[in-house]
């Protein structure tokens, strides 16, 4: 009997000990896969750890609807959770909540960001921001955007030249 069916059976029989044992085994056998998928999208260890737990919790909640091997479900779930987190973060302000909006540094940072976005465009600005601000390397940016690495590098360096040129004007 496969692990998912055995786990469902133990839950139906209300055999808590057996269900916990089977779920722990399922977790250990599939944790590496979930980590692999999440780290393809996320860099922060805390984010990965949080989403590992969320992925397995969702798996457990969806267990009645799952047939077959757990790997495909867990991989898809982990991927979707990572993408959702990245989308959520892309709409958040890059400035700390406790930053003083009236401070000159904060005002300068916002003015620079607005200026840079107008000079290089939204997409190229996000490439610069993710590379310099978030530490993403070019291969990762290429994977995230669905573009070739050479194109990402070209856009990055072209955008930096535009910013330097605009700075001198």
C-alpha atoms as a PDB file:
ATOM      1  CA  UNK A   1       0.000   0.000   0.000  1.00  0.00           C
ATOM      2  CA  UNK A   2       1.413   3.401  -0.875  1.00  0.00           C
ATOM      3  CA  UNK A   3       2.083   6.026   1.774  1.00  0.00           C
ATOM      4  CA  UNK A   4      -0.846   8.327   0.904  1.00  0.00           C
ATOM      5  CA  UNK A   5      -3.393   5.492   0.986  1.00  0.00           C
ATOM      6  CA  UNK A   6      -1.918   4.165   4.227  1.00  0.00           C
ATOM      7  CA  UNK A   7      -2.124   7.643   5.786  1.00  0.00           C
ATOM      8  CA  UNK A   8      -5.738   8.078   4.653  1.00  0.00           C
ATOM      9  CA  UNK A   9      -6.585   4.658   6.035  1.00  0.00           C
ATOM     10  CA  UNK A  10      -4.980   5.422   9.399  1.00  0.00           C
ATOM     11  CA  UNK A  11      -6.917   8.689   9.613  1.00  0.00           C
ATOM     12  CA  UNK A  12     -10.179   6.966   8.715  1.00  0.00           C
ATOM     13  CA  UNK A  13      -9.556   4.368  11.449  1.00  0.00           C
ATOM     14  CA  UNK A  14      -8.683   7.256  13.819  1.00  0.00           C
ATOM     15  CA  UNK A  15      -5.338   5.588  14.527  1.00  0.00           C
ATOM     16  CA  UNK A  16      -3.569   8.750  15.632  1.00  0.00           C
ATOM     17  CA  UNK A  17      -0.220   7.085  16.355  1.00  0.00           C
ATOM     18  CA  UNK A  18      -0.048   5.369  12.976  1.00  0.00           C
ATOM     19  CA  UNK A  19      -1.181   8.542  11.148  1.00  0.00           C
ATOM     20  CA  UNK A  20       1.493  10.632  12.895  1.00  0.00           C
ATOM     21  CA  UNK A  21       4.140   8.032  12.082  1.00  0.00           C
ATOM     22  CA  UNK A  22       3.102   7.873   8.408  1.00  0.00           C
ATOM     23  CA  UNK A  23       2.924  11.640   8.076  1.00  0.00           C
ATOM     24  CA  UNK A  24       6.378  12.004   9.652  1.00  0.00           C
ATOM     25  CA  UNK A  25       7.695   9.474   7.122  1.00  0.00           C
ATOM     26  CA  UNK A  26       5.971  11.283   4.245  1.00  0.00           C
ATOM     27  CA  UNK A  27       7.452  14.564   5.511  1.00  0.00           C
ATOM     28  CA  UNK A  28      10.985  13.169   5.699  1.00  0.00           C
ATOM     29  CA  UNK A  29      10.750  11.540   2.264  1.00  0.00           C
ATOM     30  CA  UNK A  30       9.460  14.689   0.561  1.00  0.00           C
ATOM     31  CA  UNK A  31      11.005  17.543   2.539  1.00  0.00           C
ATOM     32  CA  UNK A  32      14.021  17.720   0.224  1.00  0.00           C
ATOM     33  CA  UNK A  33      11.799  18.083  -2.828  1.00  0.00           C
ATOM     34  CA  UNK A  34       9.836  20.915  -1.227  1.00  0.00           C
ATOM     35  CA  UNK A  35      13.041  22.696  -0.171  1.00  0.00           C
ATOM     36  CA  UNK A  36      14.449  22.327  -3.677  1.00  0.00           C
ATOM     37  CA  UNK A  37      11.350  23.854  -5.270  1.00  0.00           C
ATOM     38  CA  UNK A  38      11.152  26.723  -2.765  1.00  0.00           C
ATOM     39  CA  UNK A  39      14.835  27.638  -3.034  1.00  0.00           C
ATOM     40  CA  UNK A  40      14.468  27.954  -6.808  1.00  0.00           C
ATOM     41  CA  UNK A  41      12.297  30.996  -6.060  1.00  0.00           C
ATOM     42  CA  UNK A  42      13.235  32.252  -2.593  1.00  0.00           C
ATOM     43  CA  UNK A  43      16.508  33.240  -0.983  1.00  0.00           C
ATOM     44  CA  UNK A  44      15.545  33.968   2.621  1.00  0.00           C
ATOM     45  CA  UNK A  45      15.846  30.917   4.828  1.00  0.00           C
ATOM     46  CA  UNK A  46      12.957  32.094   7.017  1.00  0.00           C
ATOM     47  CA  UNK A  47      10.640  32.278   3.996  1.00  0.00           C
ATOM     48  CA  UNK A  48      11.629  28.782   2.893  1.00  0.00           C
ATOM     49  CA  UNK A  49      11.089  27.354   6.382  1.00  0.00           C
ATOM     50  CA  UNK A  50       7.672  29.018   6.690  1.00  0.00           C
ATOM     51  CA  UNK A  51       6.549  27.774   3.307  1.00  0.00           C
ATOM     52  CA  UNK A  52       7.777  24.229   3.965  1.00  0.00           C
ATOM     53  CA  UNK A  53       5.386  24.067   6.901  1.00  0.00           C
ATOM     54  CA  UNK A  54       2.543  25.699   4.962  1.00  0.00           C
ATOM     55  CA  UNK A  55       3.029  23.295   2.057  1.00  0.00           C
ATOM     56  CA  UNK A  56       2.807  20.207   4.252  1.00  0.00           C
ATOM     57  CA  UNK A  57      -0.102  21.645   6.206  1.00  0.00           C
ATOM     58  CA  UNK A  58      -2.013  22.230   2.960  1.00  0.00           C
ATOM     59  CA  UNK A  59      -1.135  18.716   1.853  1.00  0.00           C
ATOM     60  CA  UNK A  60      -2.577  17.332   5.076  1.00  0.00           C
ATOM     61  CA  UNK A  61      -5.745  19.401   4.714  1.00  0.00           C
ATOM     62  CA  UNK A  62      -6.151  18.284   1.081  1.00  0.00           C
ATOM     63  CA  UNK A  63      -5.365  14.648   1.786  1.00  0.00           C
ATOM     64  CA  UNK A  64      -8.910  13.392   1.077  1.00  0.00           C
ATOM     65  CA  UNK A  65      -8.676  14.699  -2.500  1.00  0.00           C
ATOM     66  CA  UNK A  66      -5.139  13.460  -3.208  1.00  0.00           C
ATOM     67  CA  UNK A  67      -4.554  10.176  -5.002  1.00  0.00           C
ATOM     68  CA  UNK A  68      -1.200   8.739  -5.960  1.00  0.00           C
ATOM     69  CA  UNK A  69       2.235   9.943  -5.029  1.00  0.00           C
ATOM     70  CA  UNK A  70       2.586  13.068  -2.874  1.00  0.00           C
ATOM     71  CA  UNK A  71       5.567  14.536  -4.770  1.00  0.00           C
ATOM     72  CA  UNK A  72       3.702  16.204  -7.645  1.00  0.00           C
ATOM     73  CA  UNK A  73       1.147  17.784  -5.307  1.00  0.00           C
ATOM     74  CA  UNK A  74       3.824  19.011  -2.895  1.00  0.00           C
ATOM     75  CA  UNK A  75       6.035  20.401  -5.677  1.00  0.00           C
ATOM     76  CA  UNK A  76       3.160  22.293  -7.293  1.00  0.00           C
ATOM     77  CA  UNK A  77       1.948  23.577  -3.946  1.00  0.00           C
ATOM     78  CA  UNK A  78       5.425  24.770  -2.926  1.00  0.00           C
ATOM     79  CA  UNK A  79       5.921  26.490  -6.282  1.00  0.00           C
ATOM     80  CA  UNK A  80       2.558  28.254  -6.052  1.00  0.00           C
ATOM     81  CA  UNK A  81       3.231  29.394  -2.490  1.00  0.00           C
ATOM     82  CA  UNK A  82       6.643  30.809  -3.425  1.00  0.00           C
ATOM     83  CA  UNK A  83       5.227  32.676  -6.412  1.00  0.00           C
ATOM     84  CA  UNK A  84       2.368  34.052  -4.300  1.00  0.00           C
ATOM     85  CA  UNK A  85       4.828  35.311  -1.707  1.00  0.00           C
ATOM     86  CA  UNK A  86       6.963  36.978  -4.389  1.00  0.00           C
ATOM     87  CA  UNK A  87       3.900  38.624  -5.927  1.00  0.00           C
ATOM     88  CA  UNK A  88       2.780  39.871  -2.538  1.00  0.00           C
ATOM     89  CA  UNK A  89       6.216  41.281  -1.826  1.00  0.00           C
ATOM     90  CA  UNK A  90       6.472  42.998  -5.206  1.00  0.00           C
ATOM     91  CA  UNK A  91       3.514  45.157  -4.192  1.00  0.00           C
ATOM     92  CA  UNK A  92       4.919  46.046  -0.789  1.00  0.00           C
ATOM     93  CA  UNK A  93       6.889  49.195  -0.145  1.00  0.00           C
ATOM     94  CA  UNK A  94      10.658  48.642  -0.072  1.00  0.00           C
ATOM     95  CA  UNK A  95      10.907  51.129   2.782  1.00  0.00           C
ATOM     96  CA  UNK A  96      10.696  50.054   6.411  1.00  0.00           C
ATOM     97  CA  UNK A  97       7.393  50.756   8.146  1.00  0.00           C
ATOM     98  CA  UNK A  98       9.161  52.713  10.861  1.00  0.00           C
ATOM     99  CA  UNK A  99      10.945  54.983   8.349  1.00  0.00           C
ATOM    100  CA  UNK A 100      10.191  58.633   8.848  1.00  0.00           C
ATOM    101  CA  UNK A 101       8.415  59.828   5.695  1.00  0.00           C
ATOM    102  CA  UNK A 102       9.367  63.370   6.560  1.00  0.00           C
ATOM    103  CA  UNK A 103      13.093  62.640   6.785  1.00  0.00           C
ATOM    104  CA  UNK A 104      15.300  64.015   3.992  1.00  0.00           C
ATOM    105  CA  UNK A 105      16.821  60.567   3.325  1.00  0.00           C
ATOM    106  CA  UNK A 106      13.417  58.990   2.847  1.00  0.00           C
ATOM    107  CA  UNK A 107      12.304  61.783   0.527  1.00  0.00           C
ATOM    108  CA  UNK A 108      15.547  61.517  -1.476  1.00  0.00           C
ATOM    109  CA  UNK A 109      15.168  57.745  -1.774  1.00  0.00           C
ATOM    110  CA  UNK A 110      11.619  58.061  -3.088  1.00  0.00           C
ATOM    111  CA  UNK A 111      12.589  60.848  -5.478  1.00  0.00           C
ATOM    112  CA  UNK A 112      15.515  58.792  -6.794  1.00  0.00           C
ATOM    113  CA  UNK A 113      13.349  55.720  -7.254  1.00  0.00           C
ATOM    114  CA  UNK A 114      10.724  57.691  -9.183  1.00  0.00           C
ATOM    115  CA  UNK A 115      13.417  59.334 -11.328  1.00  0.00           C
ATOM    116  CA  UNK A 116      15.155  56.010 -12.025  1.00  0.00           C
ATOM    117  CA  UNK A 117      11.892  54.371 -13.028  1.00  0.00           C
ATOM    118  CA  UNK A 118      11.210  57.126 -15.548  1.00  0.00           C
ATOM    119  CA  UNK A 119      14.741  56.947 -16.951  1.00  0.00           C
ATOM    120  CA  UNK A 120      15.025  53.173 -17.418  1.00  0.00           C
ATOM    121  CA  UNK A 121      11.431  51.942 -17.310  1.00  0.00           C
ATOM    122  CA  UNK A 122       9.653  49.753 -14.809  1.00  0.00           C
ATOM    123  CA  UNK A 123      10.960  46.374 -15.980  1.00  0.00           C
ATOM    124  CA  UNK A 124      14.615  47.397 -16.174  1.00  0.00           C
ATOM    125  CA  UNK A 125      14.340  49.150 -12.819  1.00  0.00           C
ATOM    126  CA  UNK A 126      13.033  45.940 -11.265  1.00  0.00           C
ATOM    127  CA  UNK A 127      16.004  44.016 -12.721  1.00  0.00           C
ATOM    128  CA  UNK A 128      18.417  46.519 -11.138  1.00  0.00           C
ATOM    129  CA  UNK A 129      16.506  46.505  -7.873  1.00  0.00           C
ATOM    130  CA  UNK A 130      16.369  42.710  -7.614  1.00  0.00           C
ATOM    131  CA  UNK A 131      20.042  42.333  -8.533  1.00  0.00           C
ATOM    132  CA  UNK A 132      21.483  45.070  -6.339  1.00  0.00           C
ATOM    133  CA  UNK A 133      18.882  45.338  -3.598  1.00  0.00           C
ATOM    134  CA  UNK A 134      17.809  41.724  -3.157  1.00  0.00           C
ATOM    135  CA  UNK A 135      20.999  39.989  -4.287  1.00  0.00           C
ATOM    136  CA  UNK A 136      19.517  37.892  -7.108  1.00  0.00           C
ATOM    137  CA  UNK A 137      22.084  36.714  -9.634  1.00  0.00           C
ATOM    138  CA  UNK A 138      21.530  36.865 -13.394  1.00  0.00           C
ATOM    139  CA  UNK A 139      20.627  33.181 -13.886  1.00  0.00           C
ATOM    140  CA  UNK A 140      17.978  33.470 -11.181  1.00  0.00           C
ATOM    141  CA  UNK A 141      16.580  36.667 -12.679  1.00  0.00           C
ATOM    142  CA  UNK A 142      16.420  34.931 -16.050  1.00  0.00           C
ATOM    143  CA  UNK A 143      14.480  32.025 -14.530  1.00  0.00           C
ATOM    144  CA  UNK A 144      12.085  34.364 -12.757  1.00  0.00           C
ATOM    145  CA  UNK A 145      11.364  36.491 -15.800  1.00  0.00           C
ATOM    146  CA  UNK A 146      11.395  33.728 -18.407  1.00  0.00           C
ATOM    147  CA  UNK A 147      14.066  35.556 -20.390  1.00  0.00           C
ATOM    148  CA  UNK A 148      17.554  34.507 -21.406  1.00  0.00           C
ATOM    149  CA  UNK A 149      20.390  35.317 -19.052  1.00  0.00           C
ATOM    150  CA  UNK A 150      22.198  37.277 -21.784  1.00  0.00           C
ATOM    151  CA  UNK A 151      19.144  39.484 -22.250  1.00  0.00           C
ATOM    152  CA  UNK A 152      18.896  40.139 -18.499  1.00  0.00           C
ATOM    153  CA  UNK A 153      22.578  41.127 -18.346  1.00  0.00           C
ATOM    154  CA  UNK A 154      22.224  43.333 -21.396  1.00  0.00           C
ATOM    155  CA  UNK A 155      19.166  45.103 -19.975  1.00  0.00           C
ATOM    156  CA  UNK A 156      20.864  45.512 -16.590  1.00  0.00           C
ATOM    157  CA  UNK A 157      24.033  47.099 -17.954  1.00  0.00           C
ATOM    158  CA  UNK A 158      22.109  49.234 -20.463  1.00  0.00           C
ATOM    159  CA  UNK A 159      19.878  50.514 -17.652  1.00  0.00           C
ATOM    160  CA  UNK A 160      22.913  51.363 -15.509  1.00  0.00           C
ATOM    161  CA  UNK A 161      24.416  53.318 -18.431  1.00  0.00           C
ATOM    162  CA  UNK A 162      21.139  55.202 -18.844  1.00  0.00           C
ATOM    163  CA  UNK A 163      21.134  56.083 -15.143  1.00  0.00           C
ATOM    164  CA  UNK A 164      24.745  57.281 -15.280  1.00  0.00           C
ATOM    165  CA  UNK A 165      24.057  59.310 -18.389  1.00  0.00           C
ATOM    166  CA  UNK A 166      20.932  60.815 -16.840  1.00  0.00           C
ATOM    167  CA  UNK A 167      22.905  61.677 -13.711  1.00  0.00           C
ATOM    168  CA  UNK A 168      25.312  63.870 -15.692  1.00  0.00           C
ATOM    169  CA  UNK A 169      22.564  65.826 -17.422  1.00  0.00           C
END
